[in-house]
C-alpha atoms as a PDB file:
ATOM      1  CA  MET A   1      25.660  65.676 120.510  1.00  0.00           C
ATOM      2  CA  ALA A   2      22.581  67.470 121.754  1.00  0.00           C
ATOM      3  CA  ILE A   3      21.340  64.564 123.857  1.00  0.00           C
ATOM      4  CA  SER A   4      23.252  62.709 126.560  1.00  0.00           C
ATOM      5  CA  LEU A   5      23.348  58.988 127.276  1.00  0.00           C
ATOM      6  CA  CYS A   6      21.588  59.775 130.565  1.00  0.00           C
ATOM      7  CA  SER A   7      18.713  61.259 128.578  1.00  0.00           C
ATOM      8  CA  ALA A   8      18.548  58.109 126.469  1.00  0.00           C
ATOM      9  CA  LEU A   9      18.382  56.007 129.612  1.00  0.00           C
ATOM     10  CA  ALA A  10      15.705  58.277 131.053  1.00  0.00           C
ATOM     11  CA  ILE A  11      13.522  57.678 128.026  1.00  0.00           C
ATOM     12  CA  ALA A  12      14.197  53.946 128.354  1.00  0.00           C
ATOM     13  CA  ALA A  13      13.169  54.065 132.008  1.00  0.00           C
ATOM     14  CA  LEU A  14       9.908  55.749 131.087  1.00  0.00           C
ATOM     15  CA  LEU A  15       9.336  53.057 128.490  1.00  0.00           C
ATOM     16  CA  GLN A  16       9.705  50.398 131.169  1.00  0.00           C
ATOM     17  CA  ASP A  17       7.557  52.134 133.788  1.00  0.00           C
ATOM     18  CA  PRO A  18       5.167  49.418 135.056  1.00  0.00           C
ATOM     19  CA  SER A  19       2.735  52.083 136.308  1.00  0.00           C
ATOM     20  CA  ALA A  20       2.099  53.436 132.797  1.00  0.00           C
ATOM     21  CA  PRO A  21      -1.425  52.715 131.529  1.00  0.00           C
ATOM     22  CA  ALA A  22      -1.928  49.746 129.221  1.00  0.00           C
ATOM     23  CA  ALA A  23      -1.854  50.454 125.524  1.00  0.00           C
ATOM     24  CA  PRO A  24      -5.376  51.064 124.176  1.00  0.00           C
ATOM     25  CA  ALA A  25      -6.332  50.102 120.649  1.00  0.00           C
ATOM     26  CA  ALA A  26      -6.791  53.761 119.775  1.00  0.00           C
ATOM     27  CA  PRO A  27      -7.453  55.187 116.332  1.00  0.00           C
ATOM     28  CA  ALA A  28      -4.529  56.728 114.514  1.00  0.00           C
ATOM     29  CA  ALA A  29      -3.557  60.123 115.876  1.00  0.00           C
ATOM     30  CA  PRO A  30      -2.013  62.825 113.704  1.00  0.00           C
ATOM     31  CA  VAL A  31       1.772  62.693 113.763  1.00  0.00           C
ATOM     32  CA  PRO A  32       3.384  66.019 114.751  1.00  0.00           C
ATOM     33  CA  PRO A  33       6.225  67.413 112.656  1.00  0.00           C
ATOM     34  CA  ALA A  34       9.571  65.660 113.030  1.00  0.00           C
ATOM     35  CA  SER A  35      11.128  68.974 114.088  1.00  0.00           C
ATOM     36  CA  ASP A  36       9.801  68.531 117.633  1.00  0.00           C
ATOM     37  CA  SER A  37      12.823  68.510 119.951  1.00  0.00           C
ATOM     38  CA  LEU A  38      13.549  65.569 122.215  1.00  0.00           C
ATOM     39  CA  ALA A  39      13.172  67.869 125.229  1.00  0.00           C
ATOM     40  CA  ALA A  40       9.661  68.817 124.096  1.00  0.00           C
ATOM     41  CA  LEU A  41       8.823  65.185 123.410  1.00  0.00           C
ATOM     42  CA  ARG A  42      10.007  64.135 126.869  1.00  0.00           C
ATOM     43  CA  THR A  43       7.766  66.811 128.359  1.00  0.00           C
ATOM     44  CA  ARG A  44       4.838  65.474 126.358  1.00  0.00           C
ATOM     45  CA  LEU A  45       5.508  61.925 127.540  1.00  0.00           C
ATOM     46  CA  VAL A  46       5.807  62.937 131.180  1.00  0.00           C
ATOM     47  CA  ARG A  47       2.411  64.592 130.778  1.00  0.00           C
ATOM     48  CA  ASP A  48       0.894  61.650 128.898  1.00  0.00           C
ATOM     49  CA  SER A  49       2.802  58.393 128.552  1.00  0.00           C
ATOM     50  CA  THR A  50       0.152  57.064 126.137  1.00  0.00           C
ATOM     51  CA  ASP A  51       0.947  59.704 123.489  1.00  0.00           C
ATOM     52  CA  ALA A  52       1.597  57.336 120.581  1.00  0.00           C
ATOM     53  CA  ALA A  53       2.647  60.073 118.167  1.00  0.00           C
ATOM     54  CA  ALA A  54       5.264  61.341 120.625  1.00  0.00           C
ATOM     55  CA  TRP A  55       6.712  57.835 121.032  1.00  0.00           C
ATOM     56  CA  LEU A  56       6.933  57.512 117.254  1.00  0.00           C
ATOM     57  CA  LEU A  57       8.797  60.818 117.004  1.00  0.00           C
ATOM     58  CA  VAL A  58      11.137  59.786 119.827  1.00  0.00           C
ATOM     59  CA  GLY A  59      11.948  56.591 117.928  1.00  0.00           C
ATOM     60  CA  ARG A  60      12.663  58.527 114.750  1.00  0.00           C
ATOM     61  CA  ALA A  61      14.812  61.035 116.625  1.00  0.00           C
ATOM     62  CA  TYR A  62      16.977  58.318 118.162  1.00  0.00           C
ATOM     63  CA  LEU A  63      17.425  56.629 114.795  1.00  0.00           C
ATOM     64  CA  ARG A  64      18.768  59.935 113.472  1.00  0.00           C
ATOM     65  CA  ARG A  65      21.059  60.208 116.512  1.00  0.00           C
ATOM     66  CA  ALA A  66      22.347  56.692 115.852  1.00  0.00           C
ATOM     67  CA  ASP A  67      23.132  57.627 112.258  1.00  0.00           C
ATOM     68  CA  ASP A  68      24.963  60.746 113.471  1.00  0.00           C
ATOM     69  CA  ALA A  69      27.018  58.613 115.873  1.00  0.00           C
ATOM     70  CA  HIS A  70      28.757  57.005 112.889  1.00  0.00           C
ATOM     71  CA  ALA A  71      30.221  60.321 111.744  1.00  0.00           C
ATOM     72  CA  PRO A  72      33.833  60.866 112.897  1.00  0.00           C
ATOM     73  CA  VAL A  73      33.022  64.376 114.106  1.00  0.00           C
ATOM     74  CA  HIS A  74      30.626  62.885 116.661  1.00  0.00           C
ATOM     75  CA  ARG A  75      32.192  59.636 117.910  1.00  0.00           C
ATOM     76  CA  PRO A  76      35.258  57.570 117.041  1.00  0.00           C
ATOM     77  CA  PRO A  77      34.322  54.681 114.712  1.00  0.00           C
ATOM     78  CA  GLN A  78      35.343  52.076 117.289  1.00  0.00           C
ATOM     79  CA  ASP A  79      32.998  53.462 119.971  1.00  0.00           C
ATOM     80  CA  SER A  80      29.893  51.395 119.299  1.00  0.00           C
ATOM     81  CA  ALA A  81      28.399  51.445 122.821  1.00  0.00           C
ATOM     82  CA  TRP A  82      26.883  54.874 122.208  1.00  0.00           C
ATOM     83  CA  ALA A  83      25.217  53.817 118.950  1.00  0.00           C
ATOM     84  CA  ARG A  84      23.915  50.597 120.543  1.00  0.00           C
ATOM     85  CA  ALA A  85      22.342  52.587 123.397  1.00  0.00           C
ATOM     86  CA  LEU A  86      20.655  54.905 120.922  1.00  0.00           C
ATOM     87  CA  LEU A  87      19.327  51.984 118.874  1.00  0.00           C
ATOM     88  CA  ASP A  88      18.072  50.215 122.003  1.00  0.00           C
ATOM     89  CA  THR A  89      16.168  53.340 122.993  1.00  0.00           C
ATOM     90  CA  ALA A  90      14.793  53.844 119.483  1.00  0.00           C
ATOM     91  CA  ASP A  91      13.581  50.238 119.414  1.00  0.00           C
ATOM     92  CA  GLN A  92      11.819  50.546 122.772  1.00  0.00           C
ATOM     93  CA  ALA A  93      10.141  53.803 121.743  1.00  0.00           C
ATOM     94  CA  LEU A  94       8.934  52.307 118.475  1.00  0.00           C
ATOM     95  CA  VAL A  95       7.609  49.197 120.225  1.00  0.00           C
ATOM     96  CA  ARG A  96       5.599  51.440 122.541  1.00  0.00           C
ATOM     97  CA  ALA A  97       4.350  53.590 119.663  1.00  0.00           C
ATOM     98  CA  ALA A  98       3.227  50.556 117.654  1.00  0.00           C
ATOM     99  CA  ALA A  99       1.334  49.133 120.634  1.00  0.00           C
ATOM    100  CA  LEU A 100      -0.407  52.424 121.364  1.00  0.00           C
ATOM    101  CA  PHE A 101      -1.467  52.901 117.746  1.00  0.00           C
ATOM    102  CA  GLY A 102      -3.180  49.510 117.782  1.00  0.00           C
ATOM    103  CA  PRO A 103      -2.804  46.181 115.984  1.00  0.00           C
ATOM    104  CA  ALA A 104      -0.824  45.820 112.772  1.00  0.00           C
ATOM    105  CA  GLY A 105      -2.755  47.143 109.814  1.00  0.00           C
ATOM    106  CA  SER A 106      -5.080  49.323 111.889  1.00  0.00           C
ATOM    107  CA  SER A 107      -3.226  52.611 111.374  1.00  0.00           C
ATOM    108  CA  ALA A 108      -0.576  54.040 109.073  1.00  0.00           C
ATOM    109  CA  PRO A 109       1.496  55.554 111.927  1.00  0.00           C
ATOM    110  CA  GLY A 110       1.464  52.235 113.791  1.00  0.00           C
ATOM    111  CA  ASP A 111       2.666  50.348 110.736  1.00  0.00           C
ATOM    112  CA  SER A 112       5.331  53.011 110.191  1.00  0.00           C
ATOM    113  CA  ALA A 113       6.564  52.424 113.740  1.00  0.00           C
ATOM    114  CA  ARG A 114       6.849  48.700 112.999  1.00  0.00           C
ATOM    115  CA  VAL A 115       8.762  49.342 109.779  1.00  0.00           C
ATOM    116  CA  LEU A 116      11.085  51.788 111.540  1.00  0.00           C
ATOM    117  CA  ARG A 117      11.848  49.044 114.080  1.00  0.00           C
ATOM    118  CA  VAL A 118      13.169  47.018 111.155  1.00  0.00           C
ATOM    119  CA  GLY A 119      15.311  50.044 110.324  1.00  0.00           C
ATOM    120  CA  ALA A 120      16.683  50.045 113.867  1.00  0.00           C
ATOM    121  CA  TRP A 121      17.568  46.370 113.662  1.00  0.00           C
ATOM    122  CA  SER A 122      19.189  46.777 110.258  1.00  0.00           C
ATOM    123  CA  ARG A 123      21.374  49.495 111.762  1.00  0.00           C
ATOM    124  CA  ARG A 124      22.225  47.145 114.629  1.00  0.00           C
ATOM    125  CA  ALA A 125      23.362  44.556 112.111  1.00  0.00           C
ATOM    126  CA  ARG A 126      25.561  47.058 110.276  1.00  0.00           C
ATOM    127  CA  LEU A 127      27.052  48.165 113.581  1.00  0.00           C
ATOM    128  CA  ALA A 128      28.074  44.562 114.254  1.00  0.00           C
ATOM    129  CA  TRP A 129      29.501  44.245 110.744  1.00  0.00           C
ATOM    130  CA  GLU A 130      31.822  47.178 111.370  1.00  0.00           C
ATOM    131  CA  THR A 131      33.745  45.184 113.962  1.00  0.00           C
ATOM    132  CA  GLY A 132      32.905  41.556 113.191  1.00  0.00           C
ATOM    133  CA  GLY A 133      32.600  41.547 109.413  1.00  0.00           C
ATOM    134  CA  ILE A 134      29.709  40.845 107.077  1.00  0.00           C
ATOM    135  CA  ALA A 135      29.684  37.150 107.982  1.00  0.00           C
ATOM    136  CA  VAL A 136      28.393  38.088 111.432  1.00  0.00           C
ATOM    137  CA  GLY A 137      24.738  37.094 111.530  1.00  0.00           C
ATOM    138  CA  PRO A 138      21.741  37.371 113.853  1.00  0.00           C
ATOM    139  CA  GLN A 139      23.304  34.985 116.323  1.00  0.00           C
ATOM    140  CA  GLU A 140      25.833  37.723 117.155  1.00  0.00           C
ATOM    141  CA  TRP A 141      23.780  40.938 116.854  1.00  0.00           C
ATOM    142  CA  GLY A 142      20.310  39.457 117.445  1.00  0.00           C
ATOM    143  CA  PRO A 143      18.350  37.362 117.702  1.00  0.00           C
ATOM    144  CA  VAL A 144      15.751  39.096 115.558  1.00  0.00           C
ATOM    145  CA  PRO A 145      12.630  39.659 117.704  1.00  0.00           C
ATOM    146  CA  ALA A 146       9.777  37.323 116.851  1.00  0.00           C
ATOM    147  CA  ASP A 147       7.384  40.273 116.626  1.00  0.00           C
ATOM    148  CA  LEU A 148       9.495  42.208 114.111  1.00  0.00           C
ATOM    149  CA  LYS A 149       7.268  42.720 111.066  1.00  0.00           C
ATOM    150  CA  VAL A 150       6.816  44.759 107.920  1.00  0.00           C
ATOM    151  CA  PRO A 151       3.541  45.126 105.982  1.00  0.00           C
ATOM    152  CA  PRO A 152       2.899  42.423 103.359  1.00  0.00           C
ATOM    153  CA  VAL A 153       3.577  44.888 100.519  1.00  0.00           C
ATOM    154  CA  LEU A 154       7.141  45.311 101.814  1.00  0.00           C
ATOM    155  CA  GLU A 155       7.585  41.569 102.366  1.00  0.00           C
ATOM    156  CA  GLU A 156       6.625  41.084  98.742  1.00  0.00           C
ATOM    157  CA  LEU A 157       8.929  43.894  97.599  1.00  0.00           C
ATOM    158  CA  GLY A 158      11.854  42.470  99.561  1.00  0.00           C
ATOM    159  CA  GLU A 159      11.301  38.970  98.182  1.00  0.00           C
ATOM    160  CA  ASN A 160      11.043  40.282  94.625  1.00  0.00           C
ATOM    161  CA  LEU A 161      14.297  42.246  94.956  1.00  0.00           C
ATOM    162  CA  LEU A 162      16.196  39.343  96.515  1.00  0.00           C
ATOM    163  CA  ARG A 163      14.950  36.939  93.847  1.00  0.00           C
ATOM    164  CA  ALA A 164      16.050  39.295  91.064  1.00  0.00           C
ATOM    165  CA  CYS A 165      19.668  39.599  92.224  1.00  0.00           C
ATOM    166  CA  PRO A 166      22.144  36.989  90.866  1.00  0.00           C
ATOM    167  CA  MET A 167      23.832  34.459  93.154  1.00  0.00           C
ATOM    168  CA  TRP A 168      26.511  35.839  95.488  1.00  0.00           C
ATOM    169  CA  GLY A 169      25.551  39.377  94.564  1.00  0.00           C
ATOM    170  CA  VAL A 170      25.690  42.631  96.493  1.00  0.00           C
ATOM    171  CA  LEU A 171      22.309  44.370  96.567  1.00  0.00           C
ATOM    172  CA  LEU A 172      22.486  48.165  96.941  1.00  0.00           C
ATOM    173  CA  THR A 173      19.229  49.742  98.111  1.00  0.00           C
ATOM    174  CA  ALA A 174      18.051  53.335  97.970  1.00  0.00           C
ATOM    175  CA  ALA A 175      15.408  54.360 100.500  1.00  0.00           C
ATOM    176  CA  ASP A 176      13.515  53.162 103.553  1.00  0.00           C
ATOM    177  CA  ALA A 177      11.026  50.986 101.660  1.00  0.00           C
ATOM    178  CA  ASP A 178      13.432  48.891  99.588  1.00  0.00           C
ATOM    179  CA  SER A 179      16.199  48.916 102.226  1.00  0.00           C
ATOM    180  CA  TYR A 180      14.010  47.717 105.090  1.00  0.00           C
ATOM    181  CA  ALA A 181      12.130  45.281 102.836  1.00  0.00           C
ATOM    182  CA  ALA A 182      15.309  43.631 101.535  1.00  0.00           C
ATOM    183  CA  TRP A 183      16.962  43.522 104.960  1.00  0.00           C
ATOM    184  CA  TYR A 184      13.862  42.061 106.598  1.00  0.00           C
ATOM    185  CA  MET A 185      13.458  39.271 104.080  1.00  0.00           C
ATOM    186  CA  ARG A 186      17.186  38.539 104.100  1.00  0.00           C
ATOM    187  CA  PHE A 187      17.697  38.375 107.890  1.00  0.00           C
ATOM    188  CA  ALA A 188      14.300  38.053 109.580  1.00  0.00           C
ATOM    189  CA  ARG A 189      12.968  35.563 107.021  1.00  0.00           C
ATOM    190  CA  GLY A 190      16.290  34.004 106.017  1.00  0.00           C
ATOM    191  CA  LEU A 191      15.947  34.364 102.236  1.00  0.00           C
ATOM    192  CA  ARG A 192      19.002  34.468  99.967  1.00  0.00           C
ATOM    193  CA  PRO A 193      21.814  34.015 102.517  1.00  0.00           C
ATOM    194  CA  ASP A 194      24.288  34.291  99.640  1.00  0.00           C
ATOM    195  CA  LEU A 195      23.541  38.004  99.182  1.00  0.00           C
ATOM    196  CA  VAL A 196      24.997  41.075 100.871  1.00  0.00           C
ATOM    197  CA  ALA A 197      22.233  43.683 101.155  1.00  0.00           C
ATOM    198  CA  VAL A 198      23.215  47.196 102.215  1.00  0.00           C
ATOM    199  CA  PRO A 199      21.902  50.723 101.579  1.00  0.00           C
ATOM    200  CA  LEU A 200      24.169  52.615  99.209  1.00  0.00           C
ATOM    201  CA  ALA A 201      23.885  55.705 101.445  1.00  0.00           C
ATOM    202  CA  ALA A 202      25.288  53.752 104.415  1.00  0.00           C
ATOM    203  CA  TRP A 203      28.215  52.480 102.340  1.00  0.00           C
ATOM    204  CA  ARG A 204      28.966  56.030 101.225  1.00  0.00           C
ATOM    205  CA  SER A 205      28.566  57.796 104.582  1.00  0.00           C
ATOM    206  CA  ASP A 206      29.807  55.307 107.192  1.00  0.00           C
ATOM    207  CA  ALA A 207      33.600  55.167 106.989  1.00  0.00           C
ATOM    208  CA  ALA A 208      33.925  52.259 109.436  1.00  0.00           C
ATOM    209  CA  LEU A 209      31.370  50.173 107.571  1.00  0.00           C
ATOM    210  CA  ARG A 210      32.955  51.025 104.213  1.00  0.00           C
ATOM    211  CA  ALA A 211      36.381  49.954 105.465  1.00  0.00           C
ATOM    212  CA  ARG A 212      35.046  46.633 106.746  1.00  0.00           C
ATOM    213  CA  LEU A 213      33.094  45.943 103.562  1.00  0.00           C
ATOM    214  CA  ALA A 214      36.223  46.690 101.527  1.00  0.00           C
ATOM    215  CA  GLN A 215      38.215  44.268 103.687  1.00  0.00           C
ATOM    216  CA  ASP A 216      35.674  41.445 103.572  1.00  0.00           C
ATOM    217  CA  LEU A 217      34.971  41.853  99.856  1.00  0.00           C
ATOM    218  CA  ARG A 218      38.700  42.139  99.131  1.00  0.00           C
ATOM    219  CA  LEU A 219      38.588  45.599  97.668  1.00  0.00           C
ATOM    220  CA  GLY A 220      41.284  48.219  97.692  1.00  0.00           C
ATOM    221  CA  ARG A 221      41.312  51.152 100.084  1.00  0.00           C
ATOM    222  CA  ARG A 222      40.074  53.707  97.596  1.00  0.00           C
ATOM    223  CA  ALA A 223      38.119  56.474  99.265  1.00  0.00           C
ATOM    224  CA  GLY A 224      35.705  59.095  98.129  1.00  0.00           C
ATOM    225  CA  ALA A 225      32.621  59.018  95.931  1.00  0.00           C
ATOM    226  CA  ASP A 226      32.023  55.511  94.550  1.00  0.00           C
ATOM    227  CA  ALA A 227      35.608  54.655  93.629  1.00  0.00           C
ATOM    228  CA  TRP A 228      35.181  51.196  95.211  1.00  0.00           C
ATOM    229  CA  LEU A 229      32.279  50.277  92.922  1.00  0.00           C
ATOM    230  CA  PRO A 230      34.165  49.391  89.704  1.00  0.00           C
ATOM    231  CA  GLU A 231      36.437  47.105  91.716  1.00  0.00           C
ATOM    232  CA  LEU A 232      33.478  45.444  93.418  1.00  0.00           C
ATOM    233  CA  VAL A 233      31.882  44.837  90.008  1.00  0.00           C
ATOM    234  CA  GLU A 234      35.000  42.927  88.966  1.00  0.00           C
ATOM    235  CA  ARG A 235      34.561  40.526  91.894  1.00  0.00           C
ATOM    236  CA  ARG A 236      30.830  40.093  92.400  1.00  0.00           C
ATOM    237  CA  PRO A 237      27.509  40.755  90.724  1.00  0.00           C
ATOM    238  CA  VAL A 238      26.282  44.149  91.906  1.00  0.00           C
ATOM    239  CA  CYS A 239      22.542  44.816  91.926  1.00  0.00           C
ATOM    240  CA  VAL A 240      21.098  48.320  92.220  1.00  0.00           C
ATOM    241  CA  SER A 241      17.475  48.696  93.237  1.00  0.00           C
ATOM    242  CA  MET A 242      15.221  50.585  90.849  1.00  0.00           C
ATOM    243  CA  ALA A 243      14.102  52.670  93.799  1.00  0.00           C
ATOM    244  CA  PHE A 244      16.963  54.809  92.446  1.00  0.00           C
ATOM    245  CA  GLU A 245      16.124  56.938  89.415  1.00  0.00           C
ATOM    246  CA  ARG A 246      19.337  55.706  87.805  1.00  0.00           C
ATOM    247  CA  PRO A 247      22.323  53.553  88.828  1.00  0.00           C
ATOM    248  CA  PRO A 248      25.510  55.154  90.203  1.00  0.00           C
ATOM    249  CA  GLU A 249      27.994  56.481  87.664  1.00  0.00           C
ATOM    250  CA  PRO A 250      31.457  56.105  89.185  1.00  0.00           C
ATOM    251  CA  ARG A 251      34.753  56.817  87.491  1.00  0.00           C
ATOM    252  CA  PRO A 252      35.707  54.623  85.705  1.00  0.00           C
ATOM    253  CA  ARG A 253      32.149  54.045  84.591  1.00  0.00           C
ATOM    254  CA  VAL A 254      30.333  50.770  85.109  1.00  0.00           C
ATOM    255  CA  ARG A 255      28.320  49.128  82.345  1.00  0.00           C
ATOM    256  CA  TRP A 256      24.907  48.364  83.857  1.00  0.00           C
ATOM    257  CA  ALA A 257      22.480  45.848  82.358  1.00  0.00           C
ATOM    258  CA  VAL A 258      18.741  45.960  83.000  1.00  0.00           C
ATOM    259  CA  ARG A 259      17.146  43.078  84.843  1.00  0.00           C
ATOM    260  CA  SER A 260      13.651  42.927  86.278  1.00  0.00           C
ATOM    261  CA  LEU A 261      13.538  45.441  89.202  1.00  0.00           C
ATOM    262  CA  LEU A 262      17.311  46.002  89.163  1.00  0.00           C
ATOM    263  CA  TRP A 263      20.328  47.278  87.297  1.00  0.00           C
ATOM    264  CA  VAL A 264      23.066  44.630  87.397  1.00  0.00           C
ATOM    265  CA  ALA A 265      26.780  44.675  86.608  1.00  0.00           C
ATOM    266  CA  GLY A 266      29.604  42.237  87.168  1.00  0.00           C
ATOM    267  CA  PRO A 267      30.042  38.476  86.739  1.00  0.00           C
ATOM    268  CA  ALA A 268      26.345  37.566  86.646  1.00  0.00           C
ATOM    269  CA  GLY A 269      25.339  34.396  84.841  1.00  0.00           C
ATOM    270  CA  LYS A 270      22.366  34.150  82.509  1.00  0.00           C
ATOM    271  CA  ASP A 271      21.004  30.930  84.010  1.00  0.00           C
ATOM    272  CA  ASP A 272      19.803  32.531  87.274  1.00  0.00           C
ATOM    273  CA  ARG A 273      17.535  35.120  85.671  1.00  0.00           C
ATOM    274  CA  VAL A 274      13.973  35.125  87.005  1.00  0.00           C
ATOM    275  CA  PRO A 275      11.477  35.491  84.134  1.00  0.00           C
ATOM    276  CA  PRO A 276       9.449  38.718  84.452  1.00  0.00           C
ATOM    277  CA  ARG A 277       6.208  36.730  84.533  1.00  0.00           C
ATOM    278  CA  ASP A 278       7.328  34.988  87.750  1.00  0.00           C
ATOM    279  CA  PHE A 279       7.308  38.091  89.947  1.00  0.00           C
ATOM    280  CA  VAL A 280       4.370  38.551  92.308  1.00  0.00           C
ATOM    281  CA  PHE A 281       2.386  41.739  92.982  1.00  0.00           C
ATOM    282  CA  ALA A 282      -0.565  40.387  95.000  1.00  0.00           C
ATOM    283  CA  ALA A 283       0.275  42.254  98.211  1.00  0.00           C
ATOM    284  CA  LEU A 284       0.713  45.468  96.233  1.00  0.00           C
ATOM    285  CA  ARG A 285      -2.850  45.142  94.901  1.00  0.00           C
ATOM    286  CA  ILE A 286      -4.220  44.684  98.424  1.00  0.00           C
ATOM    287  CA  ALA A 287      -2.104  47.565  99.756  1.00  0.00           C
ATOM    288  CA  LEU A 288      -3.370  49.876  97.014  1.00  0.00           C
ATOM    289  CA  ASP A 289      -6.959  48.886  97.723  1.00  0.00           C
ATOM    290  CA  HIS A 290      -6.557  49.636 101.434  1.00  0.00           C
ATOM    291  CA  GLY A 291      -4.588  52.877 101.094  1.00  0.00           C
ATOM    292  CA  ASP A 292      -1.415  51.476 102.676  1.00  0.00           C
ATOM    293  CA  PRO A 293       1.164  54.313 102.556  1.00  0.00           C
ATOM    294  CA  TRP A 294       3.942  51.786 101.863  1.00  0.00           C
ATOM    295  CA  ALA A 295       2.227  50.936  98.573  1.00  0.00           C
ATOM    296  CA  ALA A 296       3.390  54.235  97.041  1.00  0.00           C
ATOM    297  CA  PRO A 297       7.181  53.647  97.182  1.00  0.00           C
ATOM    298  CA  ALA A 298       6.717  50.029  96.099  1.00  0.00           C
ATOM    299  CA  LEU A 299       4.588  51.101  93.152  1.00  0.00           C
ATOM    300  CA  ALA A 300       7.120  53.777  92.165  1.00  0.00           C
ATOM    301  CA  LEU A 301       9.891  51.163  92.052  1.00  0.00           C
ATOM    302  CA  TYR A 302       7.743  48.746  90.051  1.00  0.00           C
ATOM    303  CA  ALA A 303       6.689  51.502  87.638  1.00  0.00           C
ATOM    304  CA  ARG A 304      10.321  52.364  86.902  1.00  0.00           C
ATOM    305  CA  ALA A 305      11.050  48.661  86.467  1.00  0.00           C
ATOM    306  CA  ALA A 306       8.177  48.277  84.008  1.00  0.00           C
ATOM    307  CA  ARG A 307       9.530  51.127  81.888  1.00  0.00           C
ATOM    308  CA  ALA A 308      12.863  49.313  81.699  1.00  0.00           C
ATOM    309  CA  THR A 309      11.382  45.798  81.345  1.00  0.00           C
ATOM    310  CA  PRO A 310       7.980  45.988  79.630  1.00  0.00           C
ATOM    311  CA  ALA A 311       7.515  42.216  80.025  1.00  0.00           C
ATOM    312  CA  LEU A 312       6.773  42.851  83.711  1.00  0.00           C
ATOM    313  CA  CYS A 313       3.420  44.286  82.641  1.00  0.00           C
ATOM    314  CA  GLN A 314       2.126  40.769  81.982  1.00  0.00           C
ATOM    315  CA  ALA A 315       2.687  39.763  85.608  1.00  0.00           C
ATOM    316  CA  MET A 316       1.304  43.094  86.799  1.00  0.00           C
ATOM    317  CA  ALA A 317      -1.829  42.500  84.755  1.00  0.00           C
ATOM    318  CA  THR A 318      -2.226  39.080  86.370  1.00  0.00           C
ATOM    319  CA  PHE A 319      -2.426  40.772  89.773  1.00  0.00           C
ATOM    320  CA  ARG A 320      -4.528  43.695  88.493  1.00  0.00           C
ATOM    321  CA  VAL A 321      -1.927  46.387  89.078  1.00  0.00           C
ATOM    322  CA  ALA A 322      -0.975  47.099  85.445  1.00  0.00           C
ATOM    323  CA  ALA A 323      -3.565  49.868  85.285  1.00  0.00           C
ATOM    324  CA  GLU A 324      -1.648  51.692  88.057  1.00  0.00           C
ATOM    325  CA  VAL A 325       1.577  51.669  85.986  1.00  0.00           C
ATOM    326  CA  PRO A 326       1.717  54.211  83.134  1.00  0.00           C
ATOM    327  CA  ALA A 327       4.261  52.171  81.152  1.00  0.00           C
ATOM    328  CA  CYS A 328       1.864  49.224  81.043  1.00  0.00           C
ATOM    329  CA  GLY A 329      -0.901  51.287  79.454  1.00  0.00           C
ATOM    330  CA  ARG A 330       1.003  52.200  76.334  1.00  0.00           C
END
């Protein structure tokens, strides 16, 4: 890897430097391109330890390094100390960035730093699952910090997705918005403890996690593509977030049914369906009104859901967001 553990610890030491100036409630600064190297970012931080944008980029860079650490070409799957160190450093950098950008809701980059912290903690949970199994909860890999937050629009999105998935289901998420939202509401807020929520990309790319999920969910050892998915569908309800353009199409193919906000397959009962009118979009309306950047991915998911389930438009109209959804204007 291009960065050593010593470098990670050096960044952590700078984070903990008691002589660094207190975090001002500064206006949002422009975020430099993510291509900035860690060496260049360290130089920036030595020059100015209150550079909020640099701290945000450092946090993002270490999250990418942590993801790379799961690949067999980088580290053996059983070597989790390296990934934990990277996640610790990412978390500290993002905490510093969020503080420097000002209070929650005062700047888009600051809120992004807070959401990325949730991403770091979700990765920490998956790292613990690789060795301890999916029953391992926050008491083993946490506790979840009391100040861990996502914007209200993502809280609402996460709650809506968790409510839509049938009992004892496996919820597969697509991107940062739905993945962090579902994880946060599941583990930081304790909703739907019966569900397993995991990004599909992590299941596909992380061999150690995939092996442990297969063991705990009593699947075979099929590898490659999504060969495990048809077997999982035989055992549990599988929910796919409509943040995807379409559900996965493994071989043999899975027959997906449309539910509000999700595609669902497997042994799902009809009695636990949430009526479309019962979903809430109040935080989305506020986020749209205030230009919250996390409103866009939430709205895209809801718009796709409304095309598949037109009855959602009634609830969207109640919260004055139907006009933002093309399918609801037809």
